[in-house]
N, C-alpha and C. Protein backbone atom coordinates (compact mmCIF):
# COMPACT_ATOMS: atom_id res chain seq x y z
N MET A 1 -36.52 -130.90 12.45
CA MET A 1 -36.86 -130.84 13.77
C MET A 1 -36.82 -129.44 14.41
N ALA A 2 -37.66 -129.29 15.41
CA ALA A 2 -37.83 -127.90 15.95
C ALA A 2 -36.54 -127.56 16.41
N ALA A 3 -36.40 -126.12 16.69
CA ALA A 3 -35.15 -125.60 17.11
C ALA A 3 -34.78 -126.13 18.29
N ASN A 4 -35.58 -126.52 19.26
CA ASN A 4 -35.33 -127.12 20.51
C ASN A 4 -35.04 -128.59 20.57
N GLY A 5 -35.15 -129.10 19.44
CA GLY A 5 -34.87 -130.61 19.26
C GLY A 5 -35.97 -131.48 19.55
N TYR A 6 -37.14 -131.07 19.59
CA TYR A 6 -38.35 -131.97 19.98
C TYR A 6 -39.02 -132.52 18.77
N ARG A 7 -39.19 -133.84 18.74
CA ARG A 7 -40.07 -134.51 17.82
C ARG A 7 -41.14 -135.33 18.50
N LEU A 8 -42.35 -134.98 18.28
CA LEU A 8 -43.57 -135.73 18.92
C LEU A 8 -44.17 -136.70 17.89
N VAL A 9 -44.09 -138.00 18.31
CA VAL A 9 -44.56 -138.94 17.31
C VAL A 9 -45.89 -139.29 17.98
N ILE A 10 -47.03 -139.17 16.98
CA ILE A 10 -48.38 -139.30 17.30
C ILE A 10 -49.12 -140.36 16.55
N GLY A 11 -50.31 -140.73 16.82
CA GLY A 11 -51.09 -141.52 16.06
C GLY A 11 -52.28 -140.68 15.29
N ASN A 12 -53.33 -141.37 14.81
CA ASN A 12 -54.33 -140.68 14.12
C ASN A 12 -55.11 -139.61 15.03
N LYS A 13 -55.37 -138.46 14.49
CA LYS A 13 -55.97 -137.43 15.37
C LYS A 13 -57.44 -137.64 15.64
N ASN A 14 -58.07 -138.38 14.83
CA ASN A 14 -59.56 -138.58 15.07
C ASN A 14 -59.65 -139.58 16.38
N THR A 15 -58.67 -140.50 16.63
CA THR A 15 -58.84 -141.58 17.40
C THR A 15 -57.82 -141.66 18.67
N SER A 16 -56.76 -141.11 18.38
CA SER A 16 -55.63 -141.44 19.24
C SER A 16 -55.60 -140.42 20.50
N SER A 17 -56.19 -140.88 21.50
CA SER A 17 -56.51 -139.95 22.76
C SER A 17 -55.20 -139.67 23.52
N TRP A 18 -54.44 -140.74 23.56
CA TRP A 18 -53.27 -140.44 24.35
C TRP A 18 -52.21 -139.53 23.60
N SER A 19 -52.24 -139.57 22.23
CA SER A 19 -51.45 -138.64 21.55
C SER A 19 -51.85 -137.28 21.66
N LEU A 20 -53.21 -136.99 21.69
CA LEU A 20 -53.81 -135.69 21.83
C LEU A 20 -53.11 -134.89 23.11
N ARG A 21 -53.06 -135.64 24.22
CA ARG A 21 -52.52 -135.03 25.43
C ARG A 21 -51.23 -134.21 25.48
N PRO A 22 -50.20 -134.67 25.05
CA PRO A 22 -48.96 -133.91 25.07
C PRO A 22 -48.97 -132.96 23.85
N TRP A 23 -49.63 -133.29 22.64
CA TRP A 23 -49.63 -132.43 21.64
C TRP A 23 -50.27 -131.12 21.99
N LEU A 24 -51.54 -131.24 22.58
CA LEU A 24 -52.28 -130.06 22.97
C LEU A 24 -51.48 -129.29 24.04
N ALA A 25 -51.01 -129.91 25.04
CA ALA A 25 -50.12 -129.12 26.02
C ALA A 25 -49.01 -128.33 25.48
N MET A 26 -48.24 -128.95 24.37
CA MET A 26 -47.28 -128.28 23.72
C MET A 26 -47.66 -127.11 22.93
N LYS A 27 -48.91 -127.32 22.28
CA LYS A 27 -49.41 -126.27 21.53
C LYS A 27 -49.70 -125.12 22.37
N GLU A 28 -50.44 -125.39 23.47
CA GLU A 28 -51.02 -124.32 24.26
C GLU A 28 -49.85 -123.66 25.06
N ALA A 29 -48.95 -124.43 25.41
CA ALA A 29 -47.72 -123.68 25.97
C ALA A 29 -46.73 -123.17 25.05
N ALA A 30 -46.99 -123.16 23.69
CA ALA A 30 -46.12 -122.66 22.73
C ALA A 30 -44.76 -123.19 22.79
N ILE A 31 -44.66 -124.45 22.90
CA ILE A 31 -43.43 -125.17 22.99
C ILE A 31 -43.21 -125.83 21.44
N PRO A 32 -42.19 -125.41 20.56
CA PRO A 32 -42.25 -125.92 19.25
C PRO A 32 -41.78 -127.35 19.28
N PHE A 33 -42.25 -128.03 18.28
CA PHE A 33 -41.83 -129.46 18.15
C PHE A 33 -42.12 -129.83 16.57
N GLU A 34 -41.45 -130.93 16.12
CA GLU A 34 -41.83 -131.50 14.80
C GLU A 34 -42.76 -132.59 15.16
N GLU A 35 -43.88 -132.61 14.23
CA GLU A 35 -44.81 -133.57 14.37
C GLU A 35 -44.66 -134.89 13.42
N VAL A 36 -44.63 -135.97 14.13
CA VAL A 36 -44.41 -137.25 13.05
C VAL A 36 -45.73 -138.09 13.40
N ARG A 37 -46.48 -138.17 12.36
CA ARG A 37 -47.78 -138.84 12.42
C ARG A 37 -47.73 -140.24 11.84
N ILE A 38 -48.16 -141.22 12.57
CA ILE A 38 -48.24 -142.58 12.18
C ILE A 38 -49.66 -143.02 12.08
N ASN A 39 -50.05 -143.64 10.80
CA ASN A 39 -51.40 -144.05 10.66
C ASN A 39 -51.56 -145.33 11.49
N LEU A 40 -52.33 -145.39 12.44
CA LEU A 40 -52.48 -146.65 13.36
C LEU A 40 -53.31 -147.64 12.49
N ARG A 41 -53.70 -147.44 11.40
CA ARG A 41 -54.37 -148.49 10.63
C ARG A 41 -53.43 -149.09 9.46
N ALA A 42 -52.20 -148.60 9.48
CA ALA A 42 -51.33 -149.04 8.25
C ALA A 42 -50.87 -150.54 8.78
N PRO A 43 -50.68 -151.20 7.53
CA PRO A 43 -50.22 -152.69 7.83
C PRO A 43 -48.85 -152.74 8.59
N ASP A 44 -48.00 -151.64 8.32
CA ASP A 44 -46.64 -151.78 9.09
C ASP A 44 -46.58 -150.71 10.24
N MET A 45 -47.91 -150.50 10.81
CA MET A 45 -47.95 -149.54 11.89
C MET A 45 -47.03 -149.92 13.13
N LYS A 46 -46.89 -151.19 13.50
CA LYS A 46 -46.21 -151.74 14.64
C LYS A 46 -44.74 -151.29 14.40
N ASP A 47 -44.28 -151.76 13.13
CA ASP A 47 -42.78 -151.48 12.91
C ASP A 47 -42.45 -149.98 12.86
N GLN A 48 -43.37 -149.25 12.40
CA GLN A 48 -43.14 -147.69 12.42
C GLN A 48 -43.03 -147.36 13.80
N ILE A 49 -43.86 -147.69 14.56
CA ILE A 49 -43.81 -147.22 15.97
C ILE A 49 -42.48 -147.68 16.67
N LEU A 50 -42.21 -148.97 16.45
CA LEU A 50 -41.06 -149.61 17.13
C LEU A 50 -39.78 -148.87 16.77
N ALA A 51 -39.65 -148.23 15.55
CA ALA A 51 -38.54 -147.43 15.24
C ALA A 51 -38.41 -146.28 16.04
N HIS A 52 -39.39 -145.79 16.79
CA HIS A 52 -39.39 -144.69 17.78
C HIS A 52 -39.32 -145.05 19.20
N SER A 53 -39.97 -146.11 19.56
CA SER A 53 -40.06 -146.61 20.94
C SER A 53 -40.20 -148.15 20.93
N LYS A 54 -39.42 -148.76 21.86
CA LYS A 54 -39.45 -150.29 22.14
C LYS A 54 -40.87 -150.60 22.82
N ALA A 55 -41.46 -149.68 23.42
CA ALA A 55 -42.73 -149.93 24.02
C ALA A 55 -43.80 -150.29 23.08
N GLY A 56 -43.63 -149.76 21.73
CA GLY A 56 -44.54 -150.09 20.73
C GLY A 56 -45.81 -149.32 20.79
N LYS A 57 -45.77 -148.18 21.43
CA LYS A 57 -47.03 -147.25 21.50
C LYS A 57 -46.64 -145.79 21.31
N VAL A 58 -47.82 -145.04 20.96
CA VAL A 58 -47.64 -143.64 20.82
C VAL A 58 -48.48 -143.11 21.84
N PRO A 59 -48.06 -141.81 22.30
CA PRO A 59 -47.03 -140.94 21.83
C PRO A 59 -45.68 -141.14 22.29
N VAL A 60 -44.65 -140.62 21.45
CA VAL A 60 -43.39 -140.66 21.98
C VAL A 60 -42.73 -139.17 21.77
N LEU A 61 -42.08 -138.77 22.62
CA LEU A 61 -41.37 -137.38 22.58
C LEU A 61 -39.91 -137.81 22.46
N GLU A 62 -39.28 -137.44 21.36
CA GLU A 62 -37.89 -137.59 21.01
C GLU A 62 -37.18 -136.28 21.23
N THR A 63 -36.05 -136.40 21.93
CA THR A 63 -35.09 -135.16 22.07
C THR A 63 -33.81 -135.66 22.27
N GLY A 64 -32.87 -135.27 21.44
CA GLY A 64 -31.43 -135.81 21.50
C GLY A 64 -31.48 -137.34 21.53
N ASP A 65 -30.83 -137.98 22.57
CA ASP A 65 -30.83 -139.45 22.57
C ASP A 65 -31.94 -140.02 23.51
N ILE A 66 -32.87 -139.14 23.87
CA ILE A 66 -33.82 -139.60 24.85
C ILE A 66 -35.24 -139.91 24.01
N ALA A 67 -35.93 -140.78 24.38
CA ALA A 67 -37.15 -141.06 23.87
C ALA A 67 -38.08 -141.28 25.17
N ILE A 68 -39.16 -140.55 25.25
CA ILE A 68 -40.04 -140.59 26.30
C ILE A 68 -41.51 -141.10 25.71
N TRP A 69 -42.03 -142.20 26.32
CA TRP A 69 -43.02 -142.92 25.66
C TRP A 69 -44.24 -143.10 26.25
N ASP A 70 -44.42 -142.29 27.27
CA ASP A 70 -45.78 -142.27 27.98
C ASP A 70 -46.19 -140.91 28.11
N SER A 71 -47.55 -140.60 27.91
CA SER A 71 -48.13 -139.33 27.86
C SER A 71 -47.90 -138.49 29.24
N LEU A 72 -48.22 -139.11 30.22
CA LEU A 72 -47.80 -138.25 31.56
C LEU A 72 -46.54 -138.11 31.81
N ALA A 73 -45.58 -139.15 31.47
CA ALA A 73 -44.22 -138.94 31.53
C ALA A 73 -43.79 -137.71 30.70
N ILE A 74 -44.13 -137.60 29.43
CA ILE A 74 -43.96 -136.45 28.57
C ILE A 74 -44.27 -135.26 29.14
N LEU A 75 -45.57 -135.20 29.70
CA LEU A 75 -46.07 -133.83 30.30
C LEU A 75 -45.16 -133.46 31.49
N GLU A 76 -44.81 -134.46 32.32
CA GLU A 76 -43.95 -134.20 33.48
C GLU A 76 -42.62 -133.68 33.07
N PHE A 77 -42.04 -134.23 32.05
CA PHE A 77 -40.75 -133.80 31.61
C PHE A 77 -40.87 -132.39 31.01
N LEU A 78 -41.97 -132.03 30.31
CA LEU A 78 -42.12 -130.74 29.77
C LEU A 78 -42.31 -129.76 30.91
N ALA A 79 -43.11 -130.10 31.99
CA ALA A 79 -43.17 -129.19 33.09
C ALA A 79 -41.87 -128.85 33.76
N GLU A 80 -40.96 -129.93 33.88
CA GLU A 80 -39.69 -129.65 34.35
C GLU A 80 -38.87 -128.75 33.66
N GLN A 81 -38.85 -129.02 32.28
CA GLN A 81 -38.01 -128.18 31.32
C GLN A 81 -38.48 -126.75 31.10
N TYR A 82 -39.80 -126.62 31.30
CA TYR A 82 -40.46 -125.19 31.17
C TYR A 82 -41.13 -124.75 32.34
N PRO A 83 -40.51 -124.44 33.55
CA PRO A 83 -41.28 -124.08 34.73
C PRO A 83 -42.11 -122.73 34.49
N ASP A 84 -41.40 -121.98 33.49
CA ASP A 84 -42.24 -120.69 33.22
C ASP A 84 -43.42 -120.79 32.55
N LYS A 85 -43.83 -122.04 31.91
CA LYS A 85 -45.14 -122.22 31.18
C LYS A 85 -46.21 -122.63 32.27
N ALA A 86 -45.90 -122.95 33.51
CA ALA A 86 -46.95 -123.24 34.52
C ALA A 86 -47.81 -124.35 34.10
N LEU A 87 -47.21 -125.29 33.69
CA LEU A 87 -48.04 -126.54 33.28
C LEU A 87 -48.68 -127.20 34.45
N TRP A 88 -48.24 -127.03 35.55
CA TRP A 88 -48.84 -127.44 36.84
C TRP A 88 -49.05 -126.14 37.50
N PRO A 89 -50.20 -126.16 38.41
CA PRO A 89 -50.54 -125.00 39.20
C PRO A 89 -49.48 -124.60 40.10
N SER A 90 -49.23 -123.44 40.45
CA SER A 90 -48.13 -122.90 41.17
C SER A 90 -48.55 -123.25 42.91
N GLN A 91 -49.78 -123.22 43.15
CA GLN A 91 -50.16 -123.33 44.55
C GLN A 91 -50.02 -124.78 44.85
N THR A 92 -49.51 -125.08 46.11
CA THR A 92 -49.17 -126.42 46.56
C THR A 92 -50.43 -127.22 46.49
N GLU A 93 -51.48 -126.72 47.10
CA GLU A 93 -52.74 -127.58 47.30
C GLU A 93 -53.34 -127.89 45.95
N ALA A 94 -53.24 -126.84 45.04
CA ALA A 94 -53.91 -127.06 43.66
C ALA A 94 -52.93 -127.90 42.84
N ARG A 95 -51.71 -127.93 43.13
CA ARG A 95 -50.83 -128.71 42.19
C ARG A 95 -51.05 -130.21 42.70
N ALA A 96 -51.23 -130.44 44.00
CA ALA A 96 -51.41 -131.74 44.49
C ALA A 96 -52.71 -132.27 43.95
N LEU A 97 -53.73 -131.59 43.87
CA LEU A 97 -55.01 -132.00 43.33
C LEU A 97 -54.90 -132.23 41.83
N ALA A 98 -54.16 -131.26 41.13
CA ALA A 98 -54.02 -131.57 39.59
C ALA A 98 -53.19 -132.79 39.34
N ARG A 99 -52.22 -133.11 40.13
CA ARG A 99 -51.47 -134.32 39.93
C ARG A 99 -52.41 -135.56 40.14
N SER A 100 -53.08 -135.41 41.30
CA SER A 100 -53.94 -136.64 41.66
C SER A 100 -54.98 -136.99 40.67
N VAL A 101 -55.72 -135.92 40.10
CA VAL A 101 -56.73 -136.19 39.12
C VAL A 101 -56.10 -136.61 37.76
N SER A 102 -54.93 -136.06 37.47
CA SER A 102 -54.24 -136.49 36.19
C SER A 102 -53.80 -137.90 36.30
N ALA A 103 -53.37 -138.39 37.50
CA ALA A 103 -52.90 -139.69 37.72
C ALA A 103 -54.26 -140.62 37.64
N GLU A 104 -55.21 -140.23 38.24
CA GLU A 104 -56.44 -140.95 38.08
C GLU A 104 -57.08 -141.23 36.72
N MET A 105 -56.89 -140.07 35.94
CA MET A 105 -57.25 -140.33 34.48
C MET A 105 -56.39 -141.18 33.85
N HIS A 106 -55.07 -141.19 34.14
CA HIS A 106 -54.04 -141.94 33.41
C HIS A 106 -54.25 -143.39 33.69
N SER A 107 -54.68 -143.74 34.94
CA SER A 107 -54.75 -145.17 35.41
C SER A 107 -56.12 -145.76 35.40
N GLY A 108 -57.18 -145.01 35.28
CA GLY A 108 -58.58 -145.29 35.58
C GLY A 108 -59.56 -145.16 34.31
N PHE A 109 -60.74 -145.31 34.72
CA PHE A 109 -61.69 -145.19 33.74
C PHE A 109 -61.87 -146.01 32.64
N GLN A 110 -61.47 -147.32 32.91
CA GLN A 110 -61.47 -148.25 31.91
C GLN A 110 -62.68 -148.67 31.14
N ALA A 111 -63.74 -148.62 31.83
CA ALA A 111 -65.04 -148.88 31.33
C ALA A 111 -65.35 -147.88 30.23
N LEU A 112 -65.19 -146.45 30.44
CA LEU A 112 -65.42 -145.41 29.64
C LEU A 112 -64.45 -145.70 28.33
N ARG A 113 -63.18 -145.91 28.57
CA ARG A 113 -62.28 -146.13 27.46
C ARG A 113 -62.79 -147.14 26.55
N GLU A 114 -63.18 -148.35 27.13
CA GLU A 114 -63.63 -149.52 26.35
C GLU A 114 -64.86 -149.20 25.55
N HIS A 115 -65.88 -148.67 26.22
CA HIS A 115 -67.24 -148.62 25.51
C HIS A 115 -67.36 -147.26 24.98
N CYS A 116 -66.60 -146.24 25.08
CA CYS A 116 -66.66 -144.89 24.46
C CYS A 116 -65.33 -144.50 23.87
N PRO A 117 -64.86 -145.20 22.89
CA PRO A 117 -63.41 -144.77 22.37
C PRO A 117 -63.59 -143.49 21.75
N MET A 118 -62.30 -142.84 21.81
CA MET A 118 -62.47 -141.47 21.20
C MET A 118 -62.62 -141.59 19.64
N LYS A 119 -63.68 -140.75 19.23
CA LYS A 119 -64.03 -140.57 17.74
C LYS A 119 -64.27 -139.14 17.78
N LEU A 120 -63.22 -138.32 17.61
CA LEU A 120 -63.40 -136.94 17.81
C LEU A 120 -64.50 -136.25 16.85
N LEU A 121 -64.62 -136.64 15.64
CA LEU A 121 -65.46 -135.93 14.78
C LEU A 121 -67.02 -136.76 14.65
N ALA A 122 -67.22 -137.64 15.45
CA ALA A 122 -68.34 -138.49 15.36
C ALA A 122 -69.32 -137.77 16.28
N ARG A 123 -70.63 -137.93 16.17
CA ARG A 123 -71.76 -137.65 17.04
C ARG A 123 -72.58 -138.85 17.09
N GLU A 124 -72.44 -139.64 18.26
CA GLU A 124 -73.12 -141.05 18.34
C GLU A 124 -73.68 -141.05 19.66
N PRO A 125 -74.69 -140.35 20.14
CA PRO A 125 -75.23 -140.28 21.54
C PRO A 125 -75.79 -141.77 21.82
N LYS A 126 -75.46 -142.01 22.98
CA LYS A 126 -75.97 -143.40 23.38
C LYS A 126 -77.07 -143.40 24.40
N ASP A 127 -78.10 -144.03 23.79
CA ASP A 127 -79.29 -144.20 24.75
C ASP A 127 -79.20 -144.85 26.07
N GLU A 128 -78.36 -145.98 26.01
CA GLU A 128 -77.94 -146.65 27.21
C GLU A 128 -76.54 -146.89 27.37
N LEU A 129 -76.15 -146.79 28.71
CA LEU A 129 -74.73 -146.96 29.14
C LEU A 129 -74.81 -148.09 30.29
N ILE A 130 -73.79 -148.89 30.09
CA ILE A 130 -73.68 -150.02 31.24
C ILE A 130 -73.39 -149.41 32.55
N ASP A 131 -73.62 -149.89 33.52
CA ASP A 131 -73.32 -149.23 34.94
C ASP A 131 -71.90 -148.77 35.17
N PRO A 132 -70.99 -149.62 34.86
CA PRO A 132 -69.44 -149.08 35.02
C PRO A 132 -69.25 -147.91 34.38
N VAL A 133 -69.81 -147.71 33.15
CA VAL A 133 -69.44 -146.43 32.31
C VAL A 133 -70.24 -145.30 33.07
N GLN A 134 -71.39 -145.49 33.51
CA GLN A 134 -72.15 -144.43 34.16
C GLN A 134 -71.35 -143.97 35.57
N VAL A 135 -70.69 -145.00 36.23
CA VAL A 135 -70.07 -144.69 37.39
C VAL A 135 -68.65 -143.85 37.00
N ASN A 136 -68.17 -144.15 35.85
CA ASN A 136 -67.10 -143.45 35.43
C ASN A 136 -67.40 -141.97 34.98
N ILE A 137 -68.55 -141.81 34.49
CA ILE A 137 -68.94 -140.41 33.94
C ILE A 137 -69.22 -139.62 35.19
N ARG A 138 -69.94 -140.21 36.30
CA ARG A 138 -70.28 -139.42 37.39
C ARG A 138 -68.95 -139.13 38.07
N ARG A 139 -67.97 -139.85 38.12
CA ARG A 139 -66.81 -139.57 38.82
C ARG A 139 -66.04 -138.34 38.12
N ILE A 140 -66.02 -138.46 36.91
CA ILE A 140 -65.39 -137.28 36.12
C ILE A 140 -66.13 -136.02 36.18
N VAL A 141 -67.40 -136.12 36.27
CA VAL A 141 -68.15 -134.79 36.45
C VAL A 141 -67.76 -134.24 37.84
N GLU A 142 -67.74 -135.16 38.70
CA GLU A 142 -67.44 -134.77 40.19
C GLU A 142 -66.04 -134.20 40.18
N ILE A 143 -65.15 -134.84 39.67
CA ILE A 143 -63.64 -134.27 39.58
C ILE A 143 -63.87 -132.85 38.94
N TRP A 144 -64.35 -132.67 37.80
CA TRP A 144 -64.37 -131.34 37.24
C TRP A 144 -64.99 -130.41 38.14
N SER A 145 -66.13 -130.67 38.66
CA SER A 145 -66.91 -129.82 39.55
C SER A 145 -65.88 -129.39 40.75
N GLU A 146 -65.34 -130.24 41.48
CA GLU A 146 -64.35 -130.07 42.54
C GLU A 146 -63.20 -129.14 42.24
N CYS A 147 -62.54 -129.41 41.08
CA CYS A 147 -61.46 -128.55 40.58
C CYS A 147 -61.88 -127.28 40.41
N ARG A 148 -62.99 -127.12 39.60
CA ARG A 148 -63.51 -125.70 39.22
C ARG A 148 -63.93 -124.92 40.45
N LYS A 149 -64.59 -125.62 41.40
CA LYS A 149 -65.01 -125.01 42.56
C LYS A 149 -63.92 -124.46 43.59
N ARG A 150 -62.89 -125.24 43.72
CA ARG A 150 -61.89 -124.91 44.55
C ARG A 150 -60.80 -124.20 43.94
N PHE A 151 -60.48 -124.32 42.70
CA PHE A 151 -59.33 -123.57 42.17
C PHE A 151 -59.56 -123.15 40.75
N GLY A 152 -60.79 -123.10 40.36
CA GLY A 152 -61.13 -122.53 38.96
C GLY A 152 -60.82 -121.05 38.76
N GLY A 153 -61.07 -120.26 39.80
CA GLY A 153 -60.78 -118.89 39.76
C GLY A 153 -61.58 -118.16 38.72
N SER A 154 -60.87 -117.25 37.94
CA SER A 154 -61.52 -116.45 36.93
C SER A 154 -61.33 -117.09 35.55
N GLY A 155 -60.49 -118.21 35.50
CA GLY A 155 -60.34 -118.86 34.08
C GLY A 155 -61.35 -119.84 33.83
N PRO A 156 -61.46 -120.38 32.63
CA PRO A 156 -62.27 -121.54 32.34
C PRO A 156 -61.96 -122.95 32.51
N PHE A 157 -60.82 -123.09 32.92
CA PHE A 157 -60.14 -124.51 33.04
C PHE A 157 -60.15 -125.01 34.55
N LEU A 158 -59.80 -126.24 34.73
CA LEU A 158 -59.85 -126.86 36.02
C LEU A 158 -59.15 -126.11 36.93
N PHE A 159 -58.07 -125.58 36.63
CA PHE A 159 -57.26 -124.76 37.78
C PHE A 159 -56.99 -123.40 37.11
N SER A 160 -58.06 -122.82 36.62
CA SER A 160 -58.19 -121.39 36.01
C SER A 160 -57.49 -121.35 34.72
N HIS A 161 -56.17 -121.52 34.60
CA HIS A 161 -55.44 -121.40 33.41
C HIS A 161 -55.24 -122.86 32.96
N PHE A 162 -54.90 -122.95 31.73
CA PHE A 162 -54.63 -124.42 31.04
C PHE A 162 -53.47 -125.06 31.71
N THR A 163 -53.74 -126.30 32.18
CA THR A 163 -52.60 -127.04 32.73
C THR A 163 -52.57 -128.52 32.30
N ILE A 164 -51.58 -129.32 32.70
CA ILE A 164 -51.63 -130.68 32.42
C ILE A 164 -52.93 -131.45 32.58
N ALA A 165 -53.55 -131.06 33.76
CA ALA A 165 -54.86 -131.67 34.12
C ALA A 165 -55.85 -131.51 33.05
N ASP A 166 -55.84 -130.40 32.19
CA ASP A 166 -56.76 -130.16 31.12
C ASP A 166 -56.32 -130.91 29.96
N ALA A 167 -55.05 -130.93 29.80
CA ALA A 167 -54.51 -131.95 28.70
C ALA A 167 -54.94 -133.32 28.92
N MET A 168 -55.02 -133.85 30.16
CA MET A 168 -55.28 -135.17 30.41
C MET A 168 -56.66 -135.45 30.18
N TYR A 169 -57.60 -134.49 30.58
CA TYR A 169 -59.04 -134.77 30.22
C TYR A 169 -59.62 -134.18 28.94
N ALA A 170 -58.86 -133.71 28.16
CA ALA A 170 -59.23 -133.07 26.87
C ALA A 170 -59.90 -134.30 26.04
N PRO A 171 -59.32 -135.44 25.99
CA PRO A 171 -59.93 -136.65 25.16
C PRO A 171 -61.28 -137.09 25.88
N VAL A 172 -61.49 -136.82 27.11
CA VAL A 172 -62.80 -137.19 27.81
C VAL A 172 -63.80 -136.17 27.38
N ALA A 173 -63.40 -134.85 27.25
CA ALA A 173 -64.37 -133.99 26.69
C ALA A 173 -64.80 -134.34 25.30
N SER A 174 -63.91 -134.77 24.40
CA SER A 174 -64.25 -135.26 23.20
C SER A 174 -65.32 -136.49 23.31
N ARG A 175 -64.88 -137.41 24.23
CA ARG A 175 -65.91 -138.60 24.34
C ARG A 175 -67.32 -138.17 24.76
N PHE A 176 -67.29 -137.36 25.54
CA PHE A 176 -68.70 -136.79 26.18
C PHE A 176 -69.37 -136.21 24.81
N ARG A 177 -68.69 -135.33 24.16
CA ARG A 177 -69.30 -134.60 23.05
C ARG A 177 -69.88 -135.61 22.07
N THR A 178 -69.18 -136.86 21.86
CA THR A 178 -69.63 -137.84 21.01
C THR A 178 -70.78 -138.59 21.46
N TYR A 179 -70.60 -139.02 22.65
CA TYR A 179 -71.57 -140.17 23.16
C TYR A 179 -72.50 -139.72 24.15
N VAL A 180 -72.20 -138.62 25.15
CA VAL A 180 -73.03 -138.26 26.12
C VAL A 180 -73.17 -136.70 26.07
N PRO A 181 -73.81 -136.16 25.21
CA PRO A 181 -73.89 -134.67 25.13
C PRO A 181 -74.65 -134.08 26.27
N ASP A 182 -75.47 -134.69 26.93
CA ASP A 182 -76.21 -134.14 28.11
C ASP A 182 -75.77 -134.93 29.40
N LEU A 183 -74.89 -134.13 30.29
CA LEU A 183 -74.40 -134.66 31.46
C LEU A 183 -75.14 -134.43 32.55
N ALA A 184 -76.38 -133.72 32.51
CA ALA A 184 -77.12 -133.37 33.68
C ALA A 184 -77.68 -134.63 34.39
N PRO A 185 -77.85 -135.73 33.85
CA PRO A 185 -78.28 -137.00 34.53
C PRO A 185 -77.18 -137.57 35.33
N PHE A 186 -76.07 -137.03 35.13
CA PHE A 186 -74.93 -137.58 35.74
C PHE A 186 -74.30 -136.66 36.72
N GLY A 187 -75.19 -135.57 37.27
CA GLY A 187 -74.84 -134.67 38.29
C GLY A 187 -74.26 -133.38 37.77
N ASP A 188 -74.20 -133.11 36.51
CA ASP A 188 -73.64 -131.82 36.08
C ASP A 188 -74.65 -130.78 36.35
N ASP A 189 -74.20 -129.65 36.96
CA ASP A 189 -74.97 -128.43 37.07
C ASP A 189 -74.72 -127.43 36.16
N GLY A 190 -74.01 -127.79 34.99
CA GLY A 190 -73.72 -126.80 33.89
C GLY A 190 -72.09 -126.72 33.93
N THR A 191 -71.42 -127.05 35.05
CA THR A 191 -69.88 -126.86 35.17
C THR A 191 -69.30 -127.70 34.06
N ALA A 192 -69.67 -128.93 33.88
CA ALA A 192 -69.00 -129.81 32.98
C ALA A 192 -69.22 -129.31 31.53
N ALA A 193 -70.34 -129.07 31.22
CA ALA A 193 -70.74 -128.53 30.02
C ALA A 193 -69.98 -127.35 29.53
N ALA A 194 -69.89 -126.30 30.36
CA ALA A 194 -69.03 -125.18 30.24
C ALA A 194 -67.51 -125.50 30.05
N TYR A 195 -67.05 -126.48 30.76
CA TYR A 195 -65.81 -126.93 30.60
C TYR A 195 -65.41 -127.53 29.33
N ILE A 196 -66.29 -128.28 28.83
CA ILE A 196 -66.07 -128.98 27.48
C ILE A 196 -66.15 -127.94 26.41
N ASP A 197 -67.00 -126.91 26.51
CA ASP A 197 -66.97 -125.88 25.65
C ASP A 197 -65.53 -125.13 25.75
N ALA A 198 -64.98 -124.94 26.84
CA ALA A 198 -63.75 -124.22 27.04
C ALA A 198 -62.62 -125.10 26.37
N ILE A 199 -62.70 -126.37 26.52
CA ILE A 199 -61.70 -127.16 25.87
C ILE A 199 -61.72 -127.11 24.31
N PHE A 200 -62.83 -127.07 23.91
CA PHE A 200 -62.97 -127.10 22.30
C PHE A 200 -62.71 -125.62 21.74
N ALA A 201 -62.93 -124.60 22.65
CA ALA A 201 -62.53 -123.22 22.19
C ALA A 201 -60.98 -123.05 22.12
N LEU A 202 -60.19 -124.00 22.54
CA LEU A 202 -58.61 -123.80 22.70
C LEU A 202 -58.28 -123.75 21.04
N PRO A 203 -57.29 -122.89 20.76
CA PRO A 203 -56.71 -122.88 19.46
C PRO A 203 -56.06 -124.24 19.02
N GLY A 204 -55.43 -124.89 20.12
CA GLY A 204 -54.86 -126.16 19.74
C GLY A 204 -55.98 -127.26 19.48
N MET A 205 -57.08 -127.16 20.05
CA MET A 205 -58.01 -128.12 19.90
C MET A 205 -58.60 -127.97 18.45
N ALA A 206 -58.74 -126.55 18.10
CA ALA A 206 -59.17 -126.37 16.85
C ALA A 206 -58.33 -127.00 15.64
N GLU A 207 -57.03 -126.78 15.89
CA GLU A 207 -56.00 -127.23 14.97
C GLU A 207 -56.00 -128.70 14.84
N TRP A 208 -56.15 -129.34 16.03
CA TRP A 208 -56.05 -130.88 16.01
C TRP A 208 -57.41 -131.39 15.38
N SER A 209 -58.57 -130.74 15.56
CA SER A 209 -59.76 -131.10 14.97
C SER A 209 -59.60 -131.00 13.44
N GLU A 210 -59.11 -129.92 12.96
CA GLU A 210 -58.78 -129.67 11.56
C GLU A 210 -57.93 -130.82 10.96
N GLY A 211 -56.98 -131.18 11.74
CA GLY A 211 -56.09 -132.32 11.26
C GLY A 211 -56.74 -133.65 11.16
N ALA A 212 -57.82 -133.97 12.10
CA ALA A 212 -58.68 -135.08 12.10
C ALA A 212 -59.44 -135.11 10.76
N ARG A 213 -59.98 -133.89 10.51
CA ARG A 213 -60.75 -133.78 9.33
C ARG A 213 -60.11 -133.92 8.05
N GLN A 214 -58.89 -133.50 7.95
CA GLN A 214 -58.10 -133.77 6.77
C GLN A 214 -57.80 -135.27 6.72
N GLU A 215 -57.54 -135.89 7.85
CA GLU A 215 -57.16 -137.40 7.79
C GLU A 215 -58.28 -138.25 7.28
N THR A 216 -59.51 -137.83 7.74
CA THR A 216 -60.76 -138.62 7.46
C THR A 216 -61.38 -138.15 6.18
N GLY A 217 -61.16 -137.02 5.66
CA GLY A 217 -61.74 -136.42 4.53
C GLY A 217 -63.16 -135.94 4.80
N ALA A 218 -63.39 -135.65 6.24
CA ALA A 218 -64.65 -135.21 6.60
C ALA A 218 -64.90 -133.69 6.21
């Protein structure tokens, strides 16, 4: 286990979007942890996960006698434990917006999740998307544009430097690369495309992608 006592239980790197979120945030914030990977296709997958969390889902952050089993809860915990890492923006208005868009990601966009599951390494552009998915995509492009316009500053991320909001939307960047490489029809003026490039340029994202390649033999 890492010196600080953190163990992060995750699923497959090619497909587990919720696992990516805290993993990427911890990597980018240089918070050490031991990685425990569970193959979500294994016959005993459920039993393996239940050994770490009664909720039966990944990711799980274990530290001491505590198990935190929700991505956003893990990220909030880390922000409290490491205020110096600036996992939320310091400015009040920016932080409020970052929390709002993160919560919207956490609870919304069901059509996109269902019809465009994360396949990190795949390239499967869709010729047609049902209306609810199109609505989701337009809203996400709008969110990214608003955050970048209001608080992007000189950095490439939603609130200039990497924050929890970027961790929350990193799997969406992957989904768009896989299924919707051209976001112009959804209102993108180039902001969303540049943001996706910034996410994939992160060292942590490169490491995660390499892990996905090793898992799949790609």
